[in-house]
Amino acid sequence: MELWPCLAAALLLLLLLVQLSRAAEFYAKVALYCALCFAMSVMASPVCLLRHGGRTVENMSIISWFLRSFKYFYGLRFKVRDQHRLQEARPCVIVSNHQSILDMMGLMEVLPERCVQIAKRELLFLGPVGLIMYLGGVVFINRQRSSTAMSVMANLGERMVRENLKVWIYPEGTRNDNGDLLPFKKGAFYLAVQAQVPIVPVVYSSFSSFYNIKKKLFTSGTVTVQVLEAIPTSGLTVADVPALVDTCHRAMRTTFLHISKTPQENGATAGPGVQPAQ
């Protein structure tokens, strides 16, 4: 009978080692991702400067080429549906769900020509990474000063029509891995209505089967990317924004639940009682 405590202790030790090993692997892969971003920025910056001479949206094709190679290091595959909806030669606001640091790889898989992203101002100061974002024409927003952010967005609305730009925004406003969509912030929708350009929703399936911070899981996997039909804004005013947000949130949430096919960690269900956008 004295053997059982030893076996139990050995089993517990084995389980602990497995958990530690998974955690070590997780952090090693995250560290590699950060190192790849840093190395890509160092290599791509001089290419962008030599090719286009400075800050321009045209540099995004160079940045995209570098970033698309990342998926091979992690065994990730992207199955893209209806990508042609992003390729129309017109300005538009593209909105997508935001799950993790890996979103940048997914974005670059479908990034259309003449498309800029919205990012928080703090990213500008990340050394070579901030530099390459600046060279790619990323629009930086100071979220601590709403008046400044509103001015930047107003100017962007004029630019996107004048320069035929597409603008990519994460309307949830922060990374979200709870297995559902957060309520949307309204900035992207005010921008679309101001510029009278359509909104194109892009939905990425849940990463939770291969990337999970809580479980320290980071393995290979497949991501389904669904580009939805454009939502027109012609003739709409700011009074229509709440309804526009709700329409977009419902369409994206329904698609997310369908292509993810994962149980919702927060207890939500894919029924008619969807979480209202705010």
C-alpha atoms as a PDB file:
ATOM      1  CA  MET A   1       0.000   0.000   0.000  1.00  0.00           C
ATOM      2  CA  GLU A   2       2.962   2.288   0.509  1.00  0.00           C
ATOM      3  CA  LEU A   3       3.509   2.222  -3.257  1.00  0.00           C
ATOM      4  CA  TRP A   4       0.372   4.264  -3.985  1.00  0.00           C
ATOM      5  CA  PRO A   5       1.618   7.566  -2.479  1.00  0.00           C
ATOM      6  CA  CYS A   6       4.793   7.281  -4.557  1.00  0.00           C
ATOM      7  CA  LEU A   7       2.821   6.598  -7.736  1.00  0.00           C
ATOM      8  CA  ALA A   8       0.458   9.491  -7.015  1.00  0.00           C
ATOM      9  CA  ALA A   9       3.372  11.834  -6.385  1.00  0.00           C
ATOM     10  CA  ALA A  10       5.073  10.672  -9.595  1.00  0.00           C
ATOM     11  CA  LEU A  11       1.855  11.226 -11.559  1.00  0.00           C
ATOM     12  CA  LEU A  12       1.433  14.706 -10.131  1.00  0.00           C
ATOM     13  CA  LEU A  13       5.053  15.494 -10.954  1.00  0.00           C
ATOM     14  CA  LEU A  14       4.548  14.240 -14.508  1.00  0.00           C
ATOM     15  CA  LEU A  15       1.446  16.380 -14.942  1.00  0.00           C
ATOM     16  CA  LEU A  16       3.316  19.397 -13.604  1.00  0.00           C
ATOM     17  CA  LEU A  17       6.179  18.822 -16.042  1.00  0.00           C
ATOM     18  CA  VAL A  18       3.724  18.535 -18.925  1.00  0.00           C
ATOM     19  CA  GLN A  19       2.105  21.826 -17.928  1.00  0.00           C
ATOM     20  CA  LEU A  20       5.456  23.520 -17.535  1.00  0.00           C
ATOM     21  CA  SER A  21       6.531  22.183 -20.896  1.00  0.00           C
ATOM     22  CA  ARG A  22       3.390  23.524 -22.573  1.00  0.00           C
ATOM     23  CA  ALA A  23       3.865  26.913 -20.919  1.00  0.00           C
ATOM     24  CA  ALA A  24       7.515  27.006 -21.960  1.00  0.00           C
ATOM     25  CA  GLU A  25       6.567  26.136 -25.541  1.00  0.00           C
ATOM     26  CA  PHE A  26       3.846  28.793 -25.539  1.00  0.00           C
ATOM     27  CA  TYR A  27       6.135  31.567 -24.335  1.00  0.00           C
ATOM     28  CA  ALA A  28       8.907  30.456 -26.681  1.00  0.00           C
ATOM     29  CA  LYS A  29       6.581  30.723 -29.674  1.00  0.00           C
ATOM     30  CA  VAL A  30       5.278  34.116 -28.561  1.00  0.00           C
ATOM     31  CA  ALA A  31       8.869  35.304 -28.127  1.00  0.00           C
ATOM     32  CA  LEU A  32       9.704  34.007 -31.604  1.00  0.00           C
ATOM     33  CA  TYR A  33       6.726  35.905 -33.028  1.00  0.00           C
ATOM     34  CA  CYS A  34       7.931  39.136 -31.426  1.00  0.00           C
ATOM     35  CA  ALA A  35      11.465  38.478 -32.689  1.00  0.00           C
ATOM     36  CA  LEU A  36      10.148  37.865 -36.207  1.00  0.00           C
ATOM     37  CA  CYS A  37       8.213  41.142 -36.107  1.00  0.00           C
ATOM     38  CA  PHE A  38      11.346  42.969 -35.004  1.00  0.00           C
ATOM     39  CA  ALA A  39      13.532  41.290 -37.668  1.00  0.00           C
ATOM     40  CA  MET A  40      10.939  41.891 -40.394  1.00  0.00           C
ATOM     41  CA  SER A  41      10.776  45.568 -39.467  1.00  0.00           C
ATOM     42  CA  VAL A  42      14.551  45.921 -39.623  1.00  0.00           C
ATOM     43  CA  MET A  43      14.720  44.231 -43.033  1.00  0.00           C
ATOM     44  CA  ALA A  44      11.606  45.784 -44.595  1.00  0.00           C
ATOM     45  CA  SER A  45      12.266  49.401 -43.572  1.00  0.00           C
ATOM     46  CA  PRO A  46      15.233  50.008 -45.923  1.00  0.00           C
ATOM     47  CA  VAL A  47      13.366  48.213 -48.725  1.00  0.00           C
ATOM     48  CA  CYS A  48      10.397  50.553 -48.274  1.00  0.00           C
ATOM     49  CA  LEU A  49      12.669  53.605 -48.183  1.00  0.00           C
ATOM     50  CA  LEU A  50      14.562  52.538 -51.302  1.00  0.00           C
ATOM     51  CA  ARG A  51      11.421  51.529 -53.196  1.00  0.00           C
ATOM     52  CA  HIS A  52       9.104  54.437 -52.376  1.00  0.00           C
ATOM     53  CA  GLY A  53      11.252  56.996 -50.590  1.00  0.00           C
ATOM     54  CA  GLY A  54       9.221  57.359 -47.389  1.00  0.00           C
ATOM     55  CA  ARG A  55       5.770  57.045 -45.827  1.00  0.00           C
ATOM     56  CA  THR A  56       3.134  55.775 -48.283  1.00  0.00           C
ATOM     57  CA  VAL A  57       0.360  53.188 -48.389  1.00  0.00           C
ATOM     58  CA  GLU A  58       2.202  51.564 -51.298  1.00  0.00           C
ATOM     59  CA  ASN A  59       4.707  50.193 -48.773  1.00  0.00           C
ATOM     60  CA  MET A  60       2.029  47.871 -47.392  1.00  0.00           C
ATOM     61  CA  SER A  61       2.587  45.434 -50.271  1.00  0.00           C
ATOM     62  CA  ILE A  62       6.216  45.067 -49.159  1.00  0.00           C
ATOM     63  CA  ILE A  63       5.284  44.677 -45.491  1.00  0.00           C
ATOM     64  CA  SER A  64       2.577  42.175 -46.409  1.00  0.00           C
ATOM     65  CA  TRP A  65       5.069  40.046 -48.352  1.00  0.00           C
ATOM     66  CA  PHE A  66       7.312  39.743 -45.306  1.00  0.00           C
ATOM     67  CA  LEU A  67       4.501  39.067 -42.826  1.00  0.00           C
ATOM     68  CA  ARG A  68       2.788  36.400 -44.916  1.00  0.00           C
ATOM     69  CA  SER A  69       5.848  34.195 -44.433  1.00  0.00           C
ATOM     70  CA  PHE A  70       5.250  34.031 -40.662  1.00  0.00           C
ATOM     71  CA  LYS A  71       2.529  31.398 -41.004  1.00  0.00           C
ATOM     72  CA  TYR A  72       5.062  28.826 -42.183  1.00  0.00           C
ATOM     73  CA  PHE A  73       6.922  29.063 -38.867  1.00  0.00           C
ATOM     74  CA  TYR A  74       3.741  28.137 -36.991  1.00  0.00           C
ATOM     75  CA  GLY A  75       1.981  25.751 -39.339  1.00  0.00           C
ATOM     76  CA  LEU A  76      -0.996  28.059 -39.799  1.00  0.00           C
ATOM     77  CA  ARG A  77      -3.337  27.916 -42.785  1.00  0.00           C
ATOM     78  CA  PHE A  78      -5.893  30.528 -43.845  1.00  0.00           C
ATOM     79  CA  LYS A  79      -8.982  29.513 -45.809  1.00  0.00           C
ATOM     80  CA  VAL A  80     -10.349  32.708 -47.342  1.00  0.00           C
ATOM     81  CA  ARG A  81     -13.888  32.933 -48.665  1.00  0.00           C
ATOM     82  CA  ASP A  82     -15.217  35.641 -51.007  1.00  0.00           C
ATOM     83  CA  GLN A  83     -11.984  37.650 -51.025  1.00  0.00           C
ATOM     84  CA  HIS A  84     -13.112  39.342 -54.256  1.00  0.00           C
ATOM     85  CA  ARG A  85     -15.397  41.539 -52.141  1.00  0.00           C
ATOM     86  CA  LEU A  86     -12.275  43.310 -50.846  1.00  0.00           C
ATOM     87  CA  GLN A  87     -10.744  43.859 -54.254  1.00  0.00           C
ATOM     88  CA  GLU A  88     -13.188  46.361 -55.704  1.00  0.00           C
ATOM     89  CA  ALA A  89     -11.419  49.589 -56.674  1.00  0.00           C
ATOM     90  CA  ARG A  90     -13.333  51.897 -54.356  1.00  0.00           C
ATOM     91  CA  PRO A  91     -12.775  53.441 -50.919  1.00  0.00           C
ATOM     92  CA  CYS A  92     -14.407  51.603 -48.048  1.00  0.00           C
ATOM     93  CA  VAL A  93     -14.135  50.930 -44.316  1.00  0.00           C
ATOM     94  CA  ILE A  94     -13.165  47.338 -43.493  1.00  0.00           C
ATOM     95  CA  VAL A  95     -14.067  46.057 -40.024  1.00  0.00           C
ATOM     96  CA  SER A  96     -12.924  42.770 -38.497  1.00  0.00           C
ATOM     97  CA  ASN A  97     -12.865  40.958 -35.169  1.00  0.00           C
ATOM     98  CA  HIS A  98      -9.739  41.259 -33.014  1.00  0.00           C
ATOM     99  CA  GLN A  99      -8.507  38.178 -31.103  1.00  0.00           C
ATOM    100  CA  SER A 100      -4.753  38.205 -30.482  1.00  0.00           C
ATOM    101  CA  ILE A 101      -1.301  39.272 -31.613  1.00  0.00           C
ATOM    102  CA  LEU A 102      -1.708  36.767 -34.462  1.00  0.00           C
ATOM    103  CA  ASP A 103      -4.374  38.948 -36.118  1.00  0.00           C
ATOM    104  CA  MET A 104      -1.675  40.731 -38.098  1.00  0.00           C
ATOM    105  CA  MET A 105      -0.893  37.521 -39.985  1.00  0.00           C
ATOM    106  CA  GLY A 106      -4.552  37.085 -40.859  1.00  0.00           C
ATOM    107  CA  LEU A 107      -4.878  40.703 -41.942  1.00  0.00           C
ATOM    108  CA  MET A 108      -1.937  40.410 -44.324  1.00  0.00           C
ATOM    109  CA  GLU A 109      -3.433  37.296 -45.947  1.00  0.00           C
ATOM    110  CA  VAL A 110      -6.335  39.317 -47.371  1.00  0.00           C
ATOM    111  CA  LEU A 111      -5.034  42.901 -47.312  1.00  0.00           C
ATOM    112  CA  PRO A 112      -6.292  44.681 -50.440  1.00  0.00           C
ATOM    113  CA  GLU A 113      -4.353  47.325 -52.336  1.00  0.00           C
ATOM    114  CA  ARG A 114      -4.307  50.883 -50.978  1.00  0.00           C
ATOM    115  CA  CYS A 115      -5.446  49.861 -47.508  1.00  0.00           C
ATOM    116  CA  VAL A 116      -4.268  51.543 -44.292  1.00  0.00           C
ATOM    117  CA  GLN A 117      -4.887  50.477 -40.709  1.00  0.00           C
ATOM    118  CA  ILE A 118      -5.901  52.382 -37.605  1.00  0.00           C
ATOM    119  CA  ALA A 119      -3.643  51.771 -34.589  1.00  0.00           C
ATOM    120  CA  LYS A 120      -3.145  53.192 -31.122  1.00  0.00           C
ATOM    121  CA  ARG A 121      -0.449  55.868 -30.928  1.00  0.00           C
ATOM    122  CA  GLU A 122       1.655  53.898 -28.420  1.00  0.00           C
ATOM    123  CA  LEU A 123       2.691  51.452 -31.164  1.00  0.00           C
ATOM    124  CA  LEU A 124       4.542  54.247 -32.959  1.00  0.00           C
ATOM    125  CA  PHE A 125       7.239  54.120 -30.274  1.00  0.00           C
ATOM    126  CA  LEU A 126       8.088  50.409 -30.606  1.00  0.00           C
ATOM    127  CA  GLY A 127      11.409  51.024 -32.345  1.00  0.00           C
ATOM    128  CA  PRO A 128      11.703  49.344 -35.767  1.00  0.00           C
ATOM    129  CA  VAL A 129       8.135  48.024 -35.500  1.00  0.00           C
ATOM    130  CA  GLY A 130       6.785  51.543 -35.047  1.00  0.00           C
ATOM    131  CA  LEU A 131       8.946  52.741 -37.935  1.00  0.00           C
ATOM    132  CA  ILE A 132       7.668  50.131 -40.377  1.00  0.00           C
ATOM    133  CA  MET A 133       4.070  50.897 -39.357  1.00  0.00           C
ATOM    134  CA  TYR A 134       4.729  54.584 -39.982  1.00  0.00           C
ATOM    135  CA  LEU A 135       6.270  53.865 -43.383  1.00  0.00           C
ATOM    136  CA  GLY A 136       3.247  51.724 -44.279  1.00  0.00           C
ATOM    137  CA  GLY A 137       0.901  54.661 -43.767  1.00  0.00           C
ATOM    138  CA  VAL A 138      -0.726  53.376 -40.566  1.00  0.00           C
ATOM    139  CA  VAL A 139      -2.925  56.073 -39.008  1.00  0.00           C
ATOM    140  CA  PHE A 140      -2.134  56.488 -35.317  1.00  0.00           C
ATOM    141  CA  ILE A 141      -4.855  57.500 -32.874  1.00  0.00           C
ATOM    142  CA  ASN A 142      -4.307  58.963 -29.417  1.00  0.00           C
ATOM    143  CA  ARG A 143      -7.110  57.253 -27.527  1.00  0.00           C
ATOM    144  CA  GLN A 144      -6.436  59.330 -24.412  1.00  0.00           C
ATOM    145  CA  ARG A 145      -7.467  62.524 -26.215  1.00  0.00           C
ATOM    146  CA  SER A 146     -10.849  62.076 -27.833  1.00  0.00           C
ATOM    147  CA  SER A 147     -10.840  65.501 -29.502  1.00  0.00           C
ATOM    148  CA  THR A 148      -7.541  64.739 -31.250  1.00  0.00           C
ATOM    149  CA  ALA A 149      -8.748  61.303 -32.293  1.00  0.00           C
ATOM    150  CA  MET A 150     -11.950  62.766 -33.742  1.00  0.00           C
ATOM    151  CA  SER A 151      -9.935  65.318 -35.723  1.00  0.00           C
ATOM    152  CA  VAL A 152      -7.696  62.576 -37.141  1.00  0.00           C
ATOM    153  CA  MET A 153     -10.715  60.512 -38.162  1.00  0.00           C
ATOM    154  CA  ALA A 154     -12.398  63.512 -39.804  1.00  0.00           C
ATOM    155  CA  ASN A 155      -9.279  64.198 -41.865  1.00  0.00           C
ATOM    156  CA  LEU A 156      -9.035  60.507 -42.728  1.00  0.00           C
ATOM    157  CA  GLY A 157     -12.584  60.526 -44.074  1.00  0.00           C
ATOM    158  CA  GLU A 158     -11.631  63.237 -46.559  1.00  0.00           C
ATOM    159  CA  ARG A 159      -8.368  61.480 -47.457  1.00  0.00           C
ATOM    160  CA  MET A 160      -9.903  58.097 -48.168  1.00  0.00           C
ATOM    161  CA  VAL A 161     -12.240  59.565 -50.774  1.00  0.00           C
ATOM    162  CA  ARG A 162      -9.614  61.865 -52.264  1.00  0.00           C
ATOM    163  CA  GLU A 163      -6.891  59.195 -52.433  1.00  0.00           C
ATOM    164  CA  ASN A 164      -9.113  56.142 -52.981  1.00  0.00           C
ATOM    165  CA  LEU A 165      -8.066  54.485 -49.720  1.00  0.00           C
ATOM    166  CA  LYS A 166      -9.496  51.551 -47.830  1.00  0.00           C
ATOM    167  CA  VAL A 167      -9.307  51.789 -44.035  1.00  0.00           C
ATOM    168  CA  TRP A 168      -9.059  48.690 -41.809  1.00  0.00           C
ATOM    169  CA  ILE A 169     -10.419  49.039 -38.255  1.00  0.00           C
ATOM    170  CA  TYR A 170     -11.010  46.655 -35.335  1.00  0.00           C
ATOM    171  CA  PRO A 171     -14.328  47.977 -33.963  1.00  0.00           C
ATOM    172  CA  GLU A 172     -14.114  45.942 -30.739  1.00  0.00           C
ATOM    173  CA  GLY A 173     -11.301  48.293 -29.753  1.00  0.00           C
ATOM    174  CA  THR A 174      -9.237  45.648 -27.940  1.00  0.00           C
ATOM    175  CA  ARG A 175      -8.150  42.038 -28.229  1.00  0.00           C
ATOM    176  CA  ASN A 176     -10.869  39.594 -27.279  1.00  0.00           C
ATOM    177  CA  ASP A 177     -10.495  35.839 -26.833  1.00  0.00           C
ATOM    178  CA  ASN A 178     -13.697  35.060 -24.909  1.00  0.00           C
ATOM    179  CA  GLY A 179     -15.240  33.076 -27.776  1.00  0.00           C
ATOM    180  CA  ASP A 180     -17.673  35.824 -28.784  1.00  0.00           C
ATOM    181  CA  LEU A 181     -17.618  39.371 -30.137  1.00  0.00           C
ATOM    182  CA  LEU A 182     -17.449  42.382 -27.860  1.00  0.00           C
ATOM    183  CA  PRO A 183     -19.823  45.324 -28.451  1.00  0.00           C
ATOM    184  CA  PHE A 184     -18.539  47.562 -31.240  1.00  0.00           C
ATOM    185  CA  LYS A 185     -17.283  51.082 -30.799  1.00  0.00           C
ATOM    186  CA  LYS A 186     -18.838  53.532 -33.247  1.00  0.00           C
ATOM    187  CA  GLY A 187     -15.779  55.306 -34.696  1.00  0.00           C
ATOM    188  CA  ALA A 188     -15.500  53.117 -37.810  1.00  0.00           C
ATOM    189  CA  PHE A 189     -19.181  53.625 -38.580  1.00  0.00           C
ATOM    190  CA  TYR A 190     -19.086  57.391 -38.130  1.00  0.00           C
ATOM    191  CA  LEU A 191     -16.123  57.388 -40.524  1.00  0.00           C
ATOM    192  CA  ALA A 192     -18.011  55.382 -43.149  1.00  0.00           C
ATOM    193  CA  VAL A 193     -21.096  57.593 -42.893  1.00  0.00           C
ATOM    194  CA  GLN A 194     -19.018  60.775 -43.025  1.00  0.00           C
ATOM    195  CA  ALA A 195     -17.241  59.613 -46.182  1.00  0.00           C
ATOM    196  CA  GLN A 196     -20.401  57.931 -47.570  1.00  0.00           C
ATOM    197  CA  VAL A 197     -18.437  54.758 -48.319  1.00  0.00           C
ATOM    198  CA  PRO A 198     -19.529  51.144 -47.769  1.00  0.00           C
ATOM    199  CA  ILE A 199     -18.522  48.983 -44.820  1.00  0.00           C
ATOM    200  CA  VAL A 200     -17.001  45.582 -45.619  1.00  0.00           C
ATOM    201  CA  PRO A 201     -17.057  43.153 -42.651  1.00  0.00           C
ATOM    202  CA  VAL A 202     -14.315  40.501 -42.429  1.00  0.00           C
ATOM    203  CA  VAL A 203     -14.723  37.683 -39.907  1.00  0.00           C
ATOM    204  CA  TYR A 204     -11.961  35.382 -38.655  1.00  0.00           C
ATOM    205  CA  SER A 205     -12.904  32.093 -37.004  1.00  0.00           C
ATOM    206  CA  SER A 206     -11.921  31.516 -33.394  1.00  0.00           C
ATOM    207  CA  PHE A 207      -8.231  30.864 -32.701  1.00  0.00           C
ATOM    208  CA  SER A 208      -9.034  28.992 -29.467  1.00  0.00           C
ATOM    209  CA  SER A 209      -8.395  25.515 -30.905  1.00  0.00           C
ATOM    210  CA  PHE A 210      -4.718  26.311 -31.468  1.00  0.00           C
ATOM    211  CA  TYR A 211      -3.992  29.559 -29.566  1.00  0.00           C
ATOM    212  CA  ASN A 212      -5.180  30.064 -26.015  1.00  0.00           C
ATOM    213  CA  ILE A 213      -3.402  32.282 -23.502  1.00  0.00           C
ATOM    214  CA  LYS A 214      -5.169  30.826 -20.464  1.00  0.00           C
ATOM    215  CA  LYS A 215      -4.307  27.247 -21.409  1.00  0.00           C
ATOM    216  CA  LYS A 216      -0.851  28.230 -22.717  1.00  0.00           C
ATOM    217  CA  LEU A 217      -1.750  26.572 -26.003  1.00  0.00           C
ATOM    218  CA  PHE A 218       0.033  27.512 -29.236  1.00  0.00           C
ATOM    219  CA  THR A 219       0.011  24.855 -31.966  1.00  0.00           C
ATOM    220  CA  SER A 220      -0.636  24.667 -35.704  1.00  0.00           C
ATOM    221  CA  GLY A 221      -4.156  25.247 -36.994  1.00  0.00           C
ATOM    222  CA  THR A 222      -6.480  26.514 -39.700  1.00  0.00           C
ATOM    223  CA  VAL A 223      -8.293  29.855 -39.697  1.00  0.00           C
ATOM    224  CA  THR A 224     -11.380  30.447 -41.820  1.00  0.00           C
ATOM    225  CA  VAL A 225     -11.707  34.004 -43.104  1.00  0.00           C
ATOM    226  CA  GLN A 226     -15.127  35.074 -44.382  1.00  0.00           C
ATOM    227  CA  VAL A 227     -15.563  38.368 -46.228  1.00  0.00           C
ATOM    228  CA  LEU A 228     -19.198  39.479 -45.969  1.00  0.00           C
ATOM    229  CA  GLU A 229     -21.188  41.554 -48.423  1.00  0.00           C
ATOM    230  CA  ALA A 230     -20.609  45.295 -48.270  1.00  0.00           C
ATOM    231  CA  ILE A 231     -23.056  47.333 -46.191  1.00  0.00           C
ATOM    232  CA  PRO A 232     -23.901  50.579 -48.030  1.00  0.00           C
ATOM    233  CA  THR A 233     -23.964  53.922 -46.220  1.00  0.00           C
ATOM    234  CA  SER A 234     -25.041  56.164 -49.075  1.00  0.00           C
ATOM    235  CA  GLY A 235     -27.643  58.615 -47.833  1.00  0.00           C
ATOM    236  CA  LEU A 236     -27.180  57.692 -44.161  1.00  0.00           C
ATOM    237  CA  THR A 237     -26.544  60.291 -41.467  1.00  0.00           C
ATOM    238  CA  VAL A 238     -25.066  60.174 -37.970  1.00  0.00           C
ATOM    239  CA  ALA A 239     -28.556  59.416 -36.661  1.00  0.00           C
ATOM    240  CA  ASP A 240     -28.375  56.077 -38.497  1.00  0.00           C
ATOM    241  CA  VAL A 241     -25.080  55.010 -36.916  1.00  0.00           C
ATOM    242  CA  PRO A 242     -26.528  53.016 -33.955  1.00  0.00           C
ATOM    243  CA  ALA A 243     -28.673  50.907 -36.303  1.00  0.00           C
ATOM    244  CA  LEU A 244     -25.702  50.499 -38.658  1.00  0.00           C
ATOM    245  CA  VAL A 245     -23.506  49.277 -35.796  1.00  0.00           C
ATOM    246  CA  ASP A 246     -26.158  46.793 -34.707  1.00  0.00           C
ATOM    247  CA  THR A 247     -26.673  45.445 -38.231  1.00  0.00           C
ATOM    248  CA  CYS A 248     -22.950  44.905 -38.727  1.00  0.00           C
ATOM    249  CA  HIS A 249     -22.436  43.369 -35.274  1.00  0.00           C
ATOM    250  CA  ARG A 250     -25.269  40.885 -35.774  1.00  0.00           C
ATOM    251  CA  ALA A 251     -24.015  39.819 -39.214  1.00  0.00           C
ATOM    252  CA  MET A 252     -20.431  39.386 -38.010  1.00  0.00           C
ATOM    253  CA  ARG A 253     -21.406  37.601 -34.805  1.00  0.00           C
ATOM    254  CA  THR A 254     -23.650  35.126 -36.642  1.00  0.00           C
ATOM    255  CA  THR A 255     -20.835  34.400 -39.094  1.00  0.00           C
ATOM    256  CA  PHE A 256     -18.235  34.104 -36.317  1.00  0.00           C
ATOM    257  CA  LEU A 257     -20.292  31.538 -34.411  1.00  0.00           C
ATOM    258  CA  HIS A 258     -20.992  29.608 -37.594  1.00  0.00           C
ATOM    259  CA  ILE A 259     -17.414  29.344 -38.897  1.00  0.00           C
ATOM    260  CA  SER A 260     -15.871  28.829 -35.452  1.00  0.00           C
ATOM    261  CA  LYS A 261     -18.187  26.039 -34.295  1.00  0.00           C
ATOM    262  CA  THR A 262     -16.838  26.302 -30.757  1.00  0.00           C
ATOM    263  CA  PRO A 263     -18.785  26.490 -27.469  1.00  0.00           C
ATOM    264  CA  GLN A 264     -18.972  30.005 -26.094  1.00  0.00           C
ATOM    265  CA  GLU A 265     -16.869  30.401 -22.964  1.00  0.00           C
ATOM    266  CA  ASN A 266     -19.051  33.203 -21.651  1.00  0.00           C
ATOM    267  CA  GLY A 267     -22.224  31.135 -21.933  1.00  0.00           C
ATOM    268  CA  ALA A 268     -23.576  32.967 -24.982  1.00  0.00           C
ATOM    269  CA  THR A 269     -25.531  31.057 -27.582  1.00  0.00           C
ATOM    270  CA  ALA A 270     -26.004  31.610 -31.264  1.00  0.00           C
ATOM    271  CA  GLY A 271     -29.682  32.264 -30.918  1.00  0.00           C
ATOM    272  CA  PRO A 272     -31.719  35.342 -31.809  1.00  0.00           C
ATOM    273  CA  GLY A 273     -30.944  37.095 -28.541  1.00  0.00           C
ATOM    274  CA  VAL A 274     -27.584  38.424 -29.616  1.00  0.00           C
ATOM    275  CA  GLN A 275     -25.574  40.811 -27.508  1.00  0.00           C
ATOM    276  CA  PRO A 276     -26.474  44.363 -28.511  1.00  0.00           C
ATOM    277  CA  ALA A 277     -23.791  46.578 -29.974  1.00  0.00           C
ATOM    278  CA  GLN A 278     -22.916  49.647 -27.992  1.00  0.00           C
END
